[in-house]
Amino acid sequence: MSNFKDEIYKTIGRNVKKYRLAANISQEKLSEILDVNSKFIGHVERVERFISLKKLIEIAEYFKVPVKNFFE
């Protein structure tokens, strides 16, 4: 993976964690809300798996923030 892609996924993972912690929700609870494997959010936050745009939109909608916030 290119450095640019690495940075994008690191930024997304960092922001998923930021919003999750701000909402005081566990990784397991957010995974349940998204109807994904219980370890999925942890993998996304550590950039061990890549999140789809569809799931990123679902997370943004859940936290009531624009999707673009996950790229900043």
C-alpha atoms as a PDB file:
ATOM      1  CA  MET A   1       0.000   0.000   0.000  1.00  0.00           C
ATOM      2  CA  SER A   2       1.238   3.451  -0.792  1.00  0.00           C
ATOM      3  CA  ASN A   3       2.166   5.936   1.886  1.00  0.00           C
ATOM      4  CA  PHE A   4      -0.777   8.147   0.892  1.00  0.00           C
ATOM      5  CA  LYS A   5      -3.268   5.298   1.389  1.00  0.00           C
ATOM      6  CA  ASP A   6      -1.617   4.362   4.689  1.00  0.00           C
ATOM      7  CA  GLU A   7      -2.107   7.884   5.967  1.00  0.00           C
ATOM      8  CA  ILE A   8      -5.754   7.983   4.882  1.00  0.00           C
ATOM      9  CA  TYR A   9      -6.569   4.742   6.692  1.00  0.00           C
ATOM     10  CA  LYS A  10      -4.615   5.838   9.785  1.00  0.00           C
ATOM     11  CA  THR A  11      -6.566   9.099   9.845  1.00  0.00           C
ATOM     12  CA  ILE A  12      -9.882   7.283   9.463  1.00  0.00           C
ATOM     13  CA  GLY A  13      -8.983   4.832  12.235  1.00  0.00           C
ATOM     14  CA  ARG A  14      -7.872   7.623  14.551  1.00  0.00           C
ATOM     15  CA  ASN A  15     -11.108   9.530  13.948  1.00  0.00           C
ATOM     16  CA  VAL A  16     -13.341   6.490  14.403  1.00  0.00           C
ATOM     17  CA  LYS A  17     -11.660   6.005  17.774  1.00  0.00           C
ATOM     18  CA  LYS A  18     -11.988   9.713  18.636  1.00  0.00           C
ATOM     19  CA  TYR A  19     -15.740   9.776  17.997  1.00  0.00           C
ATOM     20  CA  ARG A  20     -16.271   6.404  19.657  1.00  0.00           C
ATOM     21  CA  LEU A  21     -14.461   7.470  22.836  1.00  0.00           C
ATOM     22  CA  ALA A  22     -16.214  10.847  22.880  1.00  0.00           C
ATOM     23  CA  ALA A  23     -19.531   8.971  22.817  1.00  0.00           C
ATOM     24  CA  ASN A  24     -18.259   6.569  25.508  1.00  0.00           C
ATOM     25  CA  ILE A  25     -19.019   3.513  23.349  1.00  0.00           C
ATOM     26  CA  SER A  26     -16.927   0.339  23.355  1.00  0.00           C
ATOM     27  CA  GLN A  27     -15.520  -1.160  20.175  1.00  0.00           C
ATOM     28  CA  GLU A  28     -17.818  -4.138  20.675  1.00  0.00           C
ATOM     29  CA  LYS A  29     -20.908  -1.951  21.074  1.00  0.00           C
ATOM     30  CA  LEU A  30     -20.139   0.040  17.925  1.00  0.00           C
ATOM     31  CA  SER A  31     -19.541  -3.223  16.051  1.00  0.00           C
ATOM     32  CA  GLU A  32     -22.934  -4.438  17.256  1.00  0.00           C
ATOM     33  CA  ILE A  33     -24.599  -1.209  16.121  1.00  0.00           C
ATOM     34  CA  LEU A  34     -23.017  -1.603  12.671  1.00  0.00           C
ATOM     35  CA  ASP A  35     -23.850  -5.318  12.539  1.00  0.00           C
ATOM     36  CA  VAL A  36     -20.248  -6.378  11.953  1.00  0.00           C
ATOM     37  CA  ASN A  37     -17.854  -8.794  13.674  1.00  0.00           C
ATOM     38  CA  SER A  38     -17.213  -7.820  17.295  1.00  0.00           C
ATOM     39  CA  LYS A  39     -13.520  -7.167  16.583  1.00  0.00           C
ATOM     40  CA  PHE A  40     -14.081  -5.112  13.414  1.00  0.00           C
ATOM     41  CA  ILE A  41     -13.849  -1.640  14.970  1.00  0.00           C
ATOM     42  CA  GLY A  42     -10.612  -2.516  16.749  1.00  0.00           C
ATOM     43  CA  HIS A  43      -9.160  -3.717  13.467  1.00  0.00           C
ATOM     44  CA  VAL A  44     -10.215  -0.485  11.731  1.00  0.00           C
ATOM     45  CA  GLU A  45      -8.763   1.679  14.501  1.00  0.00           C
ATOM     46  CA  ARG A  46      -5.431  -0.195  14.321  1.00  0.00           C
ATOM     47  CA  VAL A  47      -5.501  -0.195  10.477  1.00  0.00           C
ATOM     48  CA  GLU A  48      -5.486  -3.986  10.360  1.00  0.00           C
ATOM     49  CA  ARG A  49      -8.603  -3.977   8.176  1.00  0.00           C
ATOM     50  CA  PHE A  50      -9.971  -1.398   5.789  1.00  0.00           C
ATOM     51  CA  ILE A  51     -13.411   0.057   6.276  1.00  0.00           C
ATOM     52  CA  SER A  52     -15.811   0.342   3.364  1.00  0.00           C
ATOM     53  CA  LEU A  53     -17.337   3.663   2.439  1.00  0.00           C
ATOM     54  CA  LYS A  54     -20.744   2.196   3.268  1.00  0.00           C
ATOM     55  CA  LYS A  55     -19.697   1.403   6.855  1.00  0.00           C
ATOM     56  CA  LEU A  56     -17.925   4.749   7.218  1.00  0.00           C
ATOM     57  CA  ILE A  57     -21.150   6.502   6.209  1.00  0.00           C
ATOM     58  CA  GLU A  58     -23.065   4.422   8.774  1.00  0.00           C
ATOM     59  CA  ILE A  59     -20.592   5.478  11.480  1.00  0.00           C
ATOM     60  CA  ALA A  60     -20.850   9.132  10.455  1.00  0.00           C
ATOM     61  CA  GLU A  61     -24.637   8.933  10.548  1.00  0.00           C
ATOM     62  CA  TYR A  62     -24.569   7.277  13.967  1.00  0.00           C
ATOM     63  CA  PHE A  63     -22.331   9.991  15.401  1.00  0.00           C
ATOM     64  CA  LYS A  64     -24.211  12.683  13.441  1.00  0.00           C
ATOM     65  CA  VAL A  65     -21.082  14.091  11.816  1.00  0.00           C
ATOM     66  CA  PRO A  66     -20.162  14.642   8.154  1.00  0.00           C
ATOM     67  CA  VAL A  67     -18.189  11.795   6.552  1.00  0.00           C
ATOM     68  CA  LYS A  68     -15.482  14.297   5.625  1.00  0.00           C
ATOM     69  CA  ASN A  69     -14.616  14.629   9.328  1.00  0.00           C
ATOM     70  CA  PHE A  70     -13.079  11.154   9.225  1.00  0.00           C
ATOM     71  CA  PHE A  71     -10.520  12.317   6.647  1.00  0.00           C
ATOM     72  CA  GLU A  72      -9.300  15.358   8.570  1.00  0.00           C
END
